[in-house]
N, C-alpha and C. Protein backbone atom coordinates (compact mmCIF):
# COMPACT_ATOMS: atom_id res chain seq x y z
N MET A 1 176.49 28.32 21.73
CA MET A 1 177.33 27.17 21.47
C MET A 1 177.33 26.32 22.73
N PHE A 2 177.39 25.01 22.52
CA PHE A 2 177.42 24.05 23.61
C PHE A 2 178.73 23.30 23.58
N LEU A 3 179.17 22.85 24.72
CA LEU A 3 180.34 21.99 24.84
C LEU A 3 179.84 20.64 25.34
N LEU A 4 180.05 19.61 24.54
CA LEU A 4 179.65 18.25 24.92
C LEU A 4 180.84 17.53 25.52
N ILE A 5 180.63 16.82 26.59
CA ILE A 5 181.68 15.99 27.17
C ILE A 5 181.40 14.57 26.72
N ARG A 6 182.36 14.01 25.99
CA ARG A 6 182.19 12.67 25.42
C ARG A 6 183.20 11.73 26.04
N LYS A 7 182.80 10.49 26.20
CA LYS A 7 183.69 9.49 26.79
C LYS A 7 184.84 9.12 25.86
N ASP A 8 184.59 9.06 24.55
CA ASP A 8 185.61 8.55 23.63
C ASP A 8 186.63 9.59 23.17
N VAL A 9 186.24 10.87 23.06
CA VAL A 9 187.20 11.88 22.59
C VAL A 9 187.22 13.11 23.48
N ASP A 10 186.81 13.00 24.66
CA ASP A 10 186.83 14.08 25.64
C ASP A 10 185.76 15.14 25.42
N TYR A 11 185.89 15.97 24.38
CA TYR A 11 184.98 17.09 24.18
C TYR A 11 184.57 17.20 22.72
N ALA A 12 183.46 17.87 22.48
CA ALA A 12 183.04 18.26 21.14
C ALA A 12 182.26 19.57 21.30
N TYR A 13 182.39 20.43 20.33
CA TYR A 13 181.68 21.70 20.32
C TYR A 13 180.48 21.59 19.39
N LEU A 14 179.38 22.21 19.79
CA LEU A 14 178.14 22.09 19.06
C LEU A 14 177.48 23.46 18.90
N GLN A 15 177.23 23.85 17.66
CA GLN A 15 176.52 25.09 17.35
C GLN A 15 175.19 24.71 16.71
N LEU A 16 174.08 25.15 17.30
CA LEU A 16 172.75 24.85 16.79
C LEU A 16 172.15 26.08 16.12
N CYS A 17 171.55 25.88 14.97
CA CYS A 17 170.84 26.98 14.31
C CYS A 17 169.75 26.41 13.41
N LYS A 18 168.70 27.17 13.24
CA LYS A 18 167.58 26.71 12.43
C LYS A 18 168.00 26.55 10.98
N ALA A 19 168.68 27.54 10.44
CA ALA A 19 169.13 27.51 9.05
C ALA A 19 170.32 28.44 8.88
N ILE A 20 171.24 28.07 8.03
CA ILE A 20 172.38 28.94 7.75
C ILE A 20 172.38 29.43 6.31
N MET A 21 171.49 28.92 5.50
CA MET A 21 171.49 29.26 4.08
C MET A 21 170.68 30.52 3.76
N SER A 22 170.21 31.22 4.76
CA SER A 22 169.41 32.42 4.50
C SER A 22 170.28 33.59 4.07
N GLY A 23 171.59 33.46 4.22
CA GLY A 23 172.48 34.53 3.78
C GLY A 23 173.89 34.34 4.31
N GLN A 24 174.83 35.01 3.68
CA GLN A 24 176.24 34.92 4.06
C GLN A 24 176.47 35.39 5.49
N GLU A 25 175.75 36.42 5.90
CA GLU A 25 175.89 36.94 7.26
C GLU A 25 175.51 35.88 8.30
N THR A 26 174.43 35.18 8.04
CA THR A 26 173.98 34.11 8.95
C THR A 26 175.01 32.99 9.01
N GLU A 27 175.49 32.59 7.86
CA GLU A 27 176.50 31.53 7.80
C GLU A 27 177.74 31.92 8.59
N GLU A 28 178.22 33.14 8.38
CA GLU A 28 179.40 33.62 9.12
C GLU A 28 179.14 33.64 10.61
N ARG A 29 177.98 34.08 11.03
CA ARG A 29 177.64 34.16 12.46
C ARG A 29 177.66 32.78 13.12
N GLU A 30 177.23 31.76 12.40
CA GLU A 30 177.16 30.42 12.98
C GLU A 30 178.50 29.69 12.97
N TYR A 31 179.31 29.92 11.97
CA TYR A 31 180.61 29.23 11.87
C TYR A 31 181.73 29.95 12.64
N ARG A 32 181.68 31.27 12.70
CA ARG A 32 182.77 32.05 13.29
C ARG A 32 183.16 31.61 14.71
N PRO A 33 182.22 31.37 15.62
CA PRO A 33 182.64 30.96 16.97
C PRO A 33 183.44 29.65 16.97
N LEU A 34 183.04 28.71 16.12
CA LEU A 34 183.77 27.44 16.07
C LEU A 34 185.13 27.60 15.41
N GLU A 35 185.20 28.45 14.40
CA GLU A 35 186.48 28.69 13.71
C GLU A 35 187.49 29.39 14.61
N SER A 36 187.00 30.12 15.60
CA SER A 36 187.93 30.83 16.49
C SER A 36 188.55 29.92 17.54
N ILE A 37 188.01 28.73 17.72
CA ILE A 37 188.55 27.78 18.69
C ILE A 37 189.71 27.05 18.04
N LYS A 38 190.87 27.11 18.65
CA LYS A 38 192.09 26.60 18.03
C LYS A 38 192.56 25.26 18.58
N ASP A 39 191.66 24.45 19.11
CA ASP A 39 192.06 23.11 19.52
C ASP A 39 191.58 22.11 18.46
N ASN A 40 191.82 20.84 18.69
CA ASN A 40 191.50 19.83 17.69
C ASN A 40 190.29 18.96 18.05
N TYR A 41 189.48 19.42 18.98
CA TYR A 41 188.28 18.66 19.31
C TYR A 41 187.25 18.82 18.19
N PRO A 42 186.38 17.84 17.99
CA PRO A 42 185.38 17.93 16.93
C PRO A 42 184.45 19.12 17.12
N LYS A 43 184.09 19.72 16.00
CA LYS A 43 183.19 20.87 16.01
C LYS A 43 182.04 20.58 15.05
N TYR A 44 180.81 20.84 15.51
CA TYR A 44 179.61 20.54 14.73
C TYR A 44 178.73 21.77 14.59
N VAL A 45 178.12 21.92 13.43
CA VAL A 45 177.02 22.85 13.22
C VAL A 45 175.81 21.98 12.88
N LEU A 46 174.74 22.15 13.64
CA LEU A 46 173.51 21.40 13.40
C LEU A 46 172.42 22.35 12.94
N THR A 47 171.79 21.99 11.82
CA THR A 47 170.72 22.81 11.26
C THR A 47 169.48 21.95 11.04
N ARG A 48 168.42 22.59 10.60
CA ARG A 48 167.17 21.86 10.39
C ARG A 48 167.16 21.12 9.06
N SER A 49 167.48 21.78 7.97
CA SER A 49 167.39 21.09 6.68
C SER A 49 168.21 21.78 5.59
N ASP A 50 169.35 22.30 5.91
CA ASP A 50 170.20 22.97 4.92
C ASP A 50 171.02 21.96 4.13
N PRO A 51 171.43 22.34 2.92
CA PRO A 51 172.40 21.49 2.20
C PRO A 51 173.68 21.40 3.02
N ILE A 52 174.25 20.22 3.09
CA ILE A 52 175.45 20.00 3.90
C ILE A 52 176.64 20.71 3.26
N GLN A 53 177.40 21.41 4.09
CA GLN A 53 178.60 22.11 3.66
C GLN A 53 179.79 21.59 4.45
N HIS A 54 180.96 21.80 3.91
CA HIS A 54 182.20 21.49 4.62
C HIS A 54 182.98 22.78 4.72
N ARG A 55 183.39 23.11 5.92
CA ARG A 55 184.08 24.39 6.12
C ARG A 55 185.08 24.25 7.26
N ASN A 56 186.35 24.36 6.95
CA ASN A 56 187.44 24.38 7.93
C ASN A 56 187.38 23.24 8.94
N GLY A 57 187.00 22.06 8.50
CA GLY A 57 186.97 20.89 9.37
C GLY A 57 185.76 20.80 10.27
N ILE A 58 184.85 21.75 10.17
CA ILE A 58 183.64 21.73 10.98
C ILE A 58 182.63 20.80 10.32
N ILE A 59 182.04 19.94 11.11
CA ILE A 59 181.09 18.94 10.60
C ILE A 59 179.69 19.52 10.62
N HIS A 60 179.06 19.58 9.47
CA HIS A 60 177.70 20.09 9.37
C HIS A 60 176.75 18.91 9.21
N LYS A 61 175.75 18.86 10.05
CA LYS A 61 174.73 17.80 10.00
C LYS A 61 173.36 18.44 10.13
N ASN A 62 172.36 17.79 9.54
CA ASN A 62 170.97 18.20 9.73
C ASN A 62 170.37 17.37 10.85
N MET A 63 169.71 18.04 11.78
CA MET A 63 169.13 17.37 12.95
C MET A 63 168.17 16.24 12.58
N PRO A 64 167.23 16.43 11.64
CA PRO A 64 166.33 15.31 11.33
C PRO A 64 167.08 14.06 10.85
N ASP A 65 168.08 14.25 10.02
CA ASP A 65 168.87 13.11 9.54
C ASP A 65 169.63 12.45 10.69
N LEU A 66 170.22 13.26 11.52
CA LEU A 66 170.98 12.77 12.67
C LEU A 66 170.10 11.92 13.57
N MET A 67 168.91 12.42 13.86
CA MET A 67 167.99 11.71 14.75
C MET A 67 167.43 10.45 14.09
N GLN A 68 167.07 10.55 12.82
CA GLN A 68 166.50 9.42 12.11
C GLN A 68 167.49 8.28 11.97
N ASN A 69 168.76 8.62 11.75
CA ASN A 69 169.81 7.61 11.59
C ASN A 69 170.38 7.14 12.92
N GLY A 70 169.97 7.74 14.02
CA GLY A 70 170.47 7.35 15.34
C GLY A 70 171.96 7.65 15.52
N GLU A 71 172.44 8.67 14.81
CA GLU A 71 173.87 9.01 14.89
C GLU A 71 174.19 9.64 16.24
N LEU A 72 175.42 9.44 16.66
CA LEU A 72 175.92 10.04 17.89
C LEU A 72 177.01 11.05 17.55
N PHE A 73 177.32 11.91 18.48
CA PHE A 73 178.40 12.88 18.29
C PHE A 73 179.72 12.24 18.57
């Protein structure tokens, strides 16, 4: 997991993984660290090409889409 320092909202947490849809165990492993953080800073899971999910306020994005659209954290 990475901690990003942002000018506009102070911090954001970032979890990178190739894919989370290979199984429930993988999904739990990738989301659990972010779910254990009890502050209100943005939390992201970035994957290669998984269907987007919403889980406990964690923002899931696919890296190719993020890069192609020029999105920022």
